[in-house]
Every structure is written in C-alpha cells, then in structure tokens.
Protein backbone atom coordinates (compact mmCIF):
# COMPACT_ATOMS: atom_id res chain seq x y z
CA UNK A 1 0.00 0.00 0.00
CA UNK A 2 -0.54 2.31 -0.06
CA UNK A 3 -2.13 3.05 3.10
CA UNK A 4 -4.82 4.29 0.71
CA UNK A 5 -3.36 7.07 -1.36
CA UNK A 6 -0.21 7.49 0.76
CA UNK A 7 2.15 5.41 -1.26
CA UNK A 8 1.99 3.25 -4.34
CA UNK A 9 3.63 -0.04 -3.57
CA UNK A 10 2.43 -3.30 -5.20
CA UNK A 11 2.25 -5.66 -4.65
CA UNK A 12 2.49 -8.51 -3.59
CA UNK A 13 4.76 -11.21 -3.09
CA UNK A 14 4.22 -14.12 -5.29
CA UNK A 15 6.14 -17.39 -5.52
CA UNK A 16 7.37 -18.58 -8.90
CA UNK A 17 8.30 -21.94 -7.40
CA UNK A 18 4.69 -22.90 -6.66
CA UNK A 19 3.66 -25.62 -9.10
CA UNK A 20 0.09 -26.32 -8.05
CA UNK A 21 -2.47 -24.18 -9.84
CA UNK A 22 -5.98 -22.99 -9.07
CA UNK A 23 -9.01 -24.85 -10.32
CA UNK A 24 -11.38 -22.23 -11.65
CA UNK A 25 -15.15 -22.32 -11.40
CA UNK A 26 -16.34 -19.55 -13.74
CA UNK A 27 -19.38 -17.42 -13.00
CA UNK A 28 -21.35 -14.74 -14.84
CA UNK A 29 -21.80 -17.07 -17.84
CA UNK A 30 -18.19 -16.47 -18.82
CA UNK A 31 -16.34 -19.33 -20.48
CA UNK A 32 -12.72 -19.46 -19.38
CA UNK A 33 -9.89 -20.92 -21.45
CA UNK A 34 -6.94 -23.08 -20.40
CA UNK A 35 -4.67 -20.03 -20.46
CA UNK A 36 -3.02 -19.16 -17.15
CA UNK A 37 -5.09 -16.54 -15.40
CA UNK A 38 -4.28 -13.15 -13.89
CA UNK A 39 -5.75 -12.08 -10.55
CA UNK A 40 -6.04 -8.35 -9.84
CA UNK A 41 -6.01 -7.12 -6.23
CA UNK A 42 -8.39 -4.19 -5.75
CA UNK A 43 -8.10 -2.22 -2.51
CA UNK A 44 -11.46 -0.50 -2.65
CA UNK A 45 -11.84 2.70 -0.64
CA UNK A 46 -10.99 3.32 2.98
CA UNK A 47 -13.68 1.78 5.22
CA UNK A 48 -16.12 1.20 2.34
CA UNK A 49 -15.76 -2.63 2.32
CA UNK A 50 -15.41 -2.60 -1.48
CA UNK A 51 -12.22 -4.63 -1.68
CA UNK A 52 -12.30 -7.24 -4.42
CA UNK A 53 -10.26 -9.60 -6.55
CA UNK A 54 -10.80 -9.55 -10.31
CA UNK A 55 -10.05 -12.50 -12.59
CA UNK A 56 -8.70 -11.89 -16.10
CA UNK A 57 -8.36 -14.62 -18.75
CA UNK A 58 -5.70 -13.65 -21.34
CA UNK A 59 -6.92 -16.51 -23.56
CA UNK A 60 -10.10 -14.70 -24.54
CA UNK A 61 -9.80 -11.36 -22.70
CA UNK A 62 -12.77 -12.18 -20.46
CA UNK A 63 -13.02 -10.61 -17.00
CA UNK A 64 -14.89 -11.46 -13.82
CA UNK A 65 -14.63 -8.18 -11.95
CA UNK A 66 -15.48 -9.50 -8.47
CA UNK A 67 -14.38 -13.09 -8.48
CA UNK A 68 -14.36 -13.53 -4.70
CA UNK A 69 -17.98 -12.37 -4.33
CA UNK A 70 -19.08 -14.61 -7.20
CA UNK A 71 -17.49 -17.63 -5.57
CA UNK A 72 -18.75 -16.85 -2.06
CA UNK A 73 -22.45 -15.96 -2.35
CA UNK A 74 -21.74 -12.24 -2.63
CA UNK A 75 -19.81 -12.08 0.65
CA UNK A 76 -17.56 -9.07 1.08
CA UNK A 77 -13.81 -9.29 1.61
CA UNK A 78 -13.55 -6.26 3.89
CA UNK A 79 -11.65 -2.97 3.85
CA UNK A 80 -8.43 -2.52 1.84
CA UNK A 81 -7.29 -5.69 0.09
CA UNK A 82 -3.53 -5.28 0.21
CA UNK A 83 -1.99 -8.39 -1.36
CA UNK A 84 -2.66 -11.89 -2.63
CA UNK A 85 -0.52 -15.04 -2.43
CA UNK A 86 -1.03 -18.64 -3.51
CA UNK A 87 0.60 -21.53 -1.64
CA UNK A 88 -0.18 -25.24 -1.31
CA UNK A 89 -3.46 -24.91 -3.25
CA UNK A 90 -4.67 -22.05 -1.06
CA UNK A 91 -5.10 -18.35 -1.74
CA UNK A 92 -4.25 -15.90 1.05
CA UNK A 93 -5.95 -12.51 0.65
CA UNK A 94 -4.45 -9.97 3.06
CA UNK A 95 -7.08 -7.40 4.14
CA UNK A 96 -5.19 -4.54 5.74
CA UNK A 97 -7.81 -2.32 7.36
CA UNK A 98 -9.99 -5.28 8.41
CA UNK A 99 -7.04 -6.82 10.29
CA UNK A 100 -7.32 -10.29 8.76
CA UNK A 101 -6.24 -12.73 6.07
CA UNK A 102 -8.98 -14.55 4.17
CA UNK A 103 -7.98 -18.09 3.18
CA UNK A 104 -9.60 -19.58 0.07
CA UNK A 105 -9.29 -22.91 -1.71
CA UNK A 106 -8.22 -23.22 -5.34
CA UNK A 107 -11.71 -22.27 -6.49
CA UNK A 108 -11.51 -19.09 -4.44
CA UNK A 109 -14.09 -20.25 -1.93
CA UNK A 110 -13.39 -19.11 1.62
CA UNK A 111 -12.27 -21.94 3.90
CA UNK A 112 -10.72 -20.12 6.85
CA UNK A 113 -9.59 -16.80 8.25
CA UNK A 114 -6.45 -15.69 10.06
CA UNK A 115 -7.29 -13.17 12.78
CA UNK A 116 -5.46 -11.44 15.63
CA UNK A 117 -3.48 -9.21 13.26
CA UNK A 118 -3.05 -5.46 13.64
CA UNK A 119 -2.72 -4.10 10.11
CA UNK A 120 -1.37 -6.90 7.89
CA UNK A 121 0.43 -6.14 4.65
CA UNK A 122 2.12 -9.12 2.98
CA UNK A 123 2.15 -12.90 3.47
CA UNK A 124 5.25 -15.08 3.02
CA UNK A 125 5.35 -18.87 3.53
CA UNK A 126 8.73 -19.85 4.96
CA UNK A 127 8.01 -23.58 5.27
CA UNK A 128 5.08 -25.92 4.66
CA UNK A 129 3.87 -25.23 8.18
CA UNK A 130 4.85 -21.61 8.83
CA UNK A 131 4.38 -18.17 7.29
CA UNK A 132 5.36 -14.60 8.15
CA UNK A 133 3.04 -11.59 7.82
CA UNK A 134 4.35 -8.02 7.73
CA UNK A 135 2.38 -5.26 9.44
CA UNK A 136 1.90 -1.50 9.29
CA UNK A 137 1.35 -0.68 12.97
CA UNK A 138 2.23 -3.76 15.04
CA UNK A 139 6.02 -3.16 15.24
CA UNK A 140 6.37 -6.88 14.66
CA UNK A 141 6.18 -9.60 12.05
CA UNK A 142 3.47 -12.14 12.78
CA UNK A 143 4.26 -15.87 12.76
CA UNK A 144 1.42 -17.99 11.37
CA UNK A 145 0.79 -21.73 11.75
CA UNK A 146 -0.43 -22.82 8.31
CA UNK A 147 -1.96 -26.02 9.66
CA UNK A 148 -4.35 -24.17 11.97
CA UNK A 149 -4.33 -20.71 10.32
CA UNK A 150 -3.61 -19.07 13.65
CA UNK A 151 -1.00 -16.62 14.89
CA UNK A 152 1.49 -18.42 17.12
CA UNK A 153 4.13 -15.76 17.77
CA UNK A 154 5.89 -12.68 16.50
CA UNK A 155 9.28 -11.21 15.65
CA UNK A 156 9.86 -7.72 17.01
CA UNK A 157 10.69 -5.29 14.22
CA UNK A 158 9.90 -1.66 14.94
CA UNK A 159 8.40 0.30 12.09
CA UNK A 160 6.17 -0.36 9.10
CA UNK A 161 7.25 -3.72 7.67
CA UNK A 162 6.37 -4.36 4.05
CA UNK A 163 7.41 -6.87 1.39
CA UNK A 164 9.42 -9.96 2.19
CA UNK A 165 11.51 -12.45 0.20
CA UNK A 166 13.22 -15.67 1.18
CA UNK A 167 16.48 -17.16 -0.08
CA UNK A 168 19.15 -19.32 1.59
CA UNK A 169 16.89 -19.75 4.65
CA UNK A 170 17.05 -15.99 5.12
CA UNK A 171 13.96 -13.82 5.03
CA UNK A 172 14.58 -10.26 3.86
CA UNK A 173 12.10 -7.65 5.09
CA UNK A 174 11.67 -4.08 3.88
CA UNK A 175 10.67 -1.42 6.39
CA UNK A 176 9.06 1.87 5.38
CA UNK A 177 9.97 3.61 8.62
CA UNK A 178 13.59 2.55 8.82
CA UNK A 179 16.57 2.94 6.48
CA UNK A 180 17.41 -0.74 6.59
CA UNK A 181 16.55 -4.06 5.02
CA UNK A 182 16.26 -6.60 7.84
CA UNK A 183 17.46 -10.20 7.67
CA UNK A 184 15.63 -12.94 9.60
CA UNK A 185 16.80 -16.48 10.28
CA UNK A 186 13.73 -18.43 9.14
CA UNK A 187 14.64 -21.42 11.31
CA UNK A 188 14.72 -19.70 14.71
CA UNK A 189 12.66 -16.59 13.87
CA UNK A 190 15.29 -14.04 14.89
CA UNK A 191 16.62 -10.92 13.17
CA UNK A 192 20.29 -11.52 12.49
CA UNK A 193 21.42 -8.57 10.39
CA UNK A 194 20.44 -5.46 8.45
CA UNK A 195 21.58 -3.63 5.31
CA UNK A 196 21.30 0.11 4.62
CA UNK A 197 18.93 0.70 1.67
CA UNK A 198 17.47 4.17 2.27
CA UNK A 199 14.15 5.66 3.38
CA UNK A 200 10.78 4.09 2.56
CA UNK A 201 12.09 0.81 1.19
CA UNK A 202 9.09 -1.26 0.24
CA UNK A 203 9.52 -3.39 -2.90
CA UNK A 204 12.26 -5.82 -3.88
CA UNK A 205 13.04 -8.72 -6.22
CA UNK A 206 15.64 -11.47 -6.63
CA UNK A 207 17.39 -11.56 -10.01
CA UNK A 208 18.69 -14.54 -11.99
CA UNK A 209 22.01 -14.46 -10.08
CA UNK A 210 20.32 -14.49 -6.65
CA UNK A 211 21.08 -10.84 -6.02
CA UNK A 212 18.45 -8.82 -4.19
CA UNK A 213 17.31 -5.48 -5.57
CA UNK A 214 15.59 -3.11 -3.12
CA UNK A 215 13.75 0.03 -4.14
CA UNK A 216 13.41 2.78 -1.51
CA UNK A 217 11.07 5.62 -2.47
CA UNK A 218 12.77 8.29 -0.38
CA UNK A 219 11.12 11.06 1.64
CA UNK A 220 10.87 14.59 0.28
CA UNK A 221 10.19 16.22 3.65
CA UNK A 222 13.61 15.13 4.90
CA UNK A 223 15.40 15.48 1.54
CA UNK A 224 16.01 11.74 1.62
CA UNK A 225 16.51 10.67 -1.98
CA UNK A 226 15.10 7.49 -3.45
CA UNK A 227 17.57 4.64 -3.92
CA UNK A 228 17.80 1.35 -5.82
CA UNK A 229 20.27 -1.03 -4.18
CA UNK A 230 21.70 -4.34 -5.41
CA UNK A 231 22.69 -6.71 -2.58
CA UNK A 232 24.54 -10.03 -2.51
CA UNK A 233 22.12 -12.37 -0.72
CA UNK A 234 24.94 -14.46 0.78
CA UNK A 235 27.45 -11.86 1.94
CA UNK A 236 24.89 -9.04 2.38
CA UNK A 237 27.32 -6.69 0.66
CA UNK A 238 25.87 -3.81 -1.34
CA UNK A 239 27.06 -4.35 -4.89
CA UNK A 240 25.55 -1.32 -6.61
CA UNK A 241 23.47 1.71 -5.65
CA UNK A 242 21.50 4.07 -7.88
CA UNK A 243 20.31 7.39 -6.44
CA UNK A 244 17.28 9.15 -7.90
CA UNK A 245 16.85 12.89 -8.22
CA UNK A 246 15.35 14.67 -5.23
CA UNK A 247 11.59 14.81 -5.59
CA UNK A 248 11.28 11.51 -7.43
CA UNK A 249 9.41 8.72 -5.64
CA UNK A 250 9.76 5.43 -7.55
CA UNK A 251 7.91 2.34 -6.37
CA UNK A 252 6.56 -1.08 -7.35
CA UNK A 253 9.80 -2.77 -8.37
CA UNK A 254 9.16 -5.80 -10.63
CA UNK A 255 11.18 -8.34 -12.61
CA UNK A 256 10.62 -9.87 -16.04
CA UNK A 257 10.31 -13.55 -17.00
CA UNK A 258 14.06 -14.18 -17.34
CA UNK A 259 14.84 -12.15 -14.19
CA UNK A 260 17.31 -9.92 -15.94
CA UNK A 261 15.26 -6.76 -16.42
CA UNK A 262 13.78 -4.49 -13.75
CA UNK A 263 10.63 -2.39 -14.05
CA UNK A 264 9.29 0.25 -11.68
CA UNK A 265 6.79 3.10 -11.51
CA UNK A 266 7.91 6.72 -11.33
CA UNK A 267 4.73 8.31 -12.69
CA UNK A 268 5.44 6.35 -15.89
CA UNK A 269 6.89 2.85 -16.27
CA UNK A 270 10.69 2.67 -16.36
CA UNK A 271 12.96 -0.23 -17.26
CA UNK A 272 16.62 -1.12 -16.77
CA UNK A 273 18.59 -4.34 -17.05
CA UNK A 274 20.44 -5.83 -14.10
CA UNK A 275 23.72 -5.02 -15.90
CA UNK A 276 22.99 -1.32 -16.49
CA UNK A 277 25.19 1.21 -14.73
CA UNK A 278 22.83 4.15 -14.77
CA UNK A 279 19.12 4.78 -14.35
CA UNK A 280 16.99 5.28 -17.48
CA UNK A 281 16.28 8.88 -18.40
CA UNK A 282 13.03 8.27 -20.26
CA UNK A 283 9.95 6.23 -19.43
CA UNK A 284 9.15 3.13 -21.45
CA UNK A 285 5.46 3.89 -20.91
CA UNK A 286 4.33 7.42 -20.09
CA UNK A 287 1.39 7.91 -17.77
CA UNK A 288 -0.09 10.99 -19.41
CA UNK A 289 -3.29 11.79 -17.50
CA UNK A 290 -3.42 8.31 -15.95
CA UNK A 291 -2.62 7.59 -12.29
CA UNK A 292 -0.39 4.50 -12.42
CA UNK A 293 -1.05 2.74 -9.12
CA UNK A 294 -0.09 -0.90 -9.66
CA UNK A 295 2.49 -2.73 -11.76
CA UNK A 296 3.20 -6.35 -12.63
CA UNK A 297 5.16 -8.27 -15.27
CA UNK A 298 3.67 -11.60 -16.30
CA UNK A 299 6.25 -14.37 -15.61
CA UNK A 300 4.59 -16.56 -18.27
CA UNK A 301 5.52 -14.07 -20.98
CA UNK A 302 6.92 -10.56 -21.01
CA UNK A 303 3.69 -8.56 -20.89
CA UNK A 304 3.56 -5.54 -18.61
CA UNK A 305 0.38 -4.92 -16.58
CA UNK A 306 -0.28 -1.40 -15.30
CA UNK A 307 -3.25 -0.40 -13.16
CA UNK A 308 -4.68 3.11 -13.48
CA UNK A 309 -6.53 4.26 -10.35
CA UNK A 310 -8.41 6.87 -12.45
CA UNK A 311 -9.66 9.06 -9.57
CA UNK A 312 -9.44 6.57 -6.66
CA UNK A 313 -13.24 6.28 -6.68
CA UNK A 314 -14.16 4.74 -10.01
CA UNK A 315 -13.20 1.24 -11.14
CA UNK A 316 -9.58 0.95 -12.18
CA UNK A 317 -8.37 0.46 -15.72
CA UNK A 318 -5.76 -2.21 -16.35
CA UNK A 319 -3.52 -1.73 -19.40
CA UNK A 320 -1.43 -4.53 -20.92
CA UNK A 321 1.69 -3.57 -22.88
CA UNK A 322 4.35 -5.54 -24.72
CA UNK A 323 8.08 -5.06 -24.10
CA UNK A 324 8.17 -2.22 -26.60
CA UNK A 325 5.67 -0.32 -24.51
CA UNK A 326 2.91 -0.82 -27.09
CA UNK A 327 -0.64 -1.21 -25.76
CA UNK A 328 -2.10 -4.67 -26.42
CA UNK A 329 -5.32 -4.66 -24.42
CA UNK A 330 -7.11 -3.02 -21.52
CA UNK A 331 -9.95 -3.98 -19.17
CA UNK A 332 -11.82 -2.80 -16.08
CA UNK A 333 -11.00 -4.12 -12.62
CA UNK A 334 -12.16 -3.03 -9.14
CA UNK A 335 -11.55 0.20 -7.26
CA UNK A 336 -7.86 1.06 -6.68
CA UNK A 337 -6.22 -1.98 -8.28
CA UNK A 338 -2.77 -2.17 -6.70
CA UNK A 339 -1.20 -5.42 -7.88
CA UNK A 340 -1.41 -8.75 -9.66
CA UNK A 341 -1.02 -12.46 -9.07
CA UNK A 342 -0.04 -14.41 -12.19
CA UNK A 343 -0.99 -18.07 -12.27
CA UNK A 344 1.98 -20.27 -13.19
C-alpha cells in the first residue's frame, strides 16, 4: 500500500516456485480458457468494504470483476485488500484495514480466516507449516501456523514492515519507517542482520544471479533521496546503488520472465537491465493523465500490466503492454487496483 493514497507499492509477493495451480469455477456465464489466469487485487476505498479480486483470462480477454464475491455468495472481503498469495493450493488474501487474512481454496471459496493481526500487509510462507506476515502498525512480524491458520508468535521489528523475500533460509524484510533491510533467520525466527537501503524501502526482487534489488522511495520532507540497491544475498554486501533525483518517488519494483530486467513506476513505467550502470532517463510507458497505481510483469511471458486508479473512486483500468511499450489490451478491474497475481 498504499495506506490508501499514501504510497503506491504493489504488490504482492508471489512465488514462482509454486507448481500447483488454481481450479477455476467460472461465473457470470463467462467461459474461461486453459490459459493461465491473472488475478487483480483491488483495494477498494478506505472503510467502504469494497475490496475485491478480479479474474482476467488472457486466452479470450474475459473478465470477472469481483471473483471472490461470485465464488462466495456475494460475501464481502472487507476494507483494503492489500496483497494476494497462492501456496499449497490455497489463496491468502491480506485485508489490511480489516485486520485479517482470508484463506480460500483453489476455487476461491473461503475456507478459513487468520485473525489477531493489527494491520497486515504481505504474506510469506517460509516452510510448509509456517508463514510470516508483515504489518503496518504492530512493530512486529506475525508468525502464522499454516496447519491451523492461527498466529502463534511474532518477531519484534519496529516500524512499518512491508514486502518480504526468502532465499538461503534468510527472510529479507523491507521497512518503510527505517533505512534498513532486515534479515531474519527463518529457522529460529530471529533478526540476524540489516543492510542500509534508504528511506521508505518497500519493494524488492531477486534476479537470476540471486542478487536482491531493493527500491526505496525516499522522503521529500527530509530530503532523503530514493535509492535502488543491489545486494549479494549471501554476503549481504551492497554491490551497486542508484540514487534518484530529489523529488522523485519510484515504487513497485518488478522483474521480467528471465529475471534480468527491472521495471518500476515513477509516474510512468521505467525499465533497466540488471547489468545497467545508470538509471533510465526516459519512461518506457508514459502515464499521461493516468494515475499509475499498480504494476506487474507476467512471468509466463513478457507482458507488462499497469493499473490506473483513475480518480481513486471509479473502477480501475488495467492496461497490458508488450516489451516495446505498445498497448495490447485493456480492461476494467475493481476500485484502486494495486497489484497482480499471475498463475503459473
């Protein structure tokens, strides 16, 4: 999040290693194809309980705008859908302002709920039995038992914890309120180290060489400039740092199919390869009058998905571009679409 309009951060941590795939039960008299689907996470408005998840079928460009409601007898998700993950045939929909995670089966039917959370942000499985959940206000990372879908403990981490990644049994956690990327031992649930990455670090990816890239949006009020940092996941050494111009606030760092090209939002969509030595000067895709609020790159191909929040009240527009920045298709999603889950 985005804590609704505050910051554009997408979404969502998704796991390319997950091999099981959802079994879809289409509604609204829409015939779905065998093409791998795209799920759009729609925040809704603050306290309006209009969060939703939209389903897009690239095979025939069909859309079910509120897939969760259609699969659950028009039940509501709650206030501010922040992120969506899929693990062991279950979807985990993190609902920030409603303080919960809704668990659904592979047909997106609700089976359980994880409660006792303060303001959850992102969900990361760290084993078959355990997951971590970052949080805006709790000053801790929640530990979740995946067998019972209950909170069993926490890891103290002051500040606004955001996206998380795991590699080499280390969990890397961004923190919007601190200048550091934190490193957690996933076996004993303890913070073991930290790496300086700059103010308002929120999104990160792991490239094809197992290097971690962290994007920090900076803070204009303190003249803290945005930074993009490349980190060796084993040694924790900073290998490369790019500094943005003061006043720029890039966000939503993403990676392409071959994990060698980075994309991010900075009003428009920008791109650089992991071997580049300077930031791009021009946008690949300009925003014009659009409000680019969410970004994703389909790991099944190279298509770029960009969500336009329009005016933060109307339904979002989702635009699909090829690698040349040429528009291929667009469709309507829910209110304030902030990210994507790509079925693999």
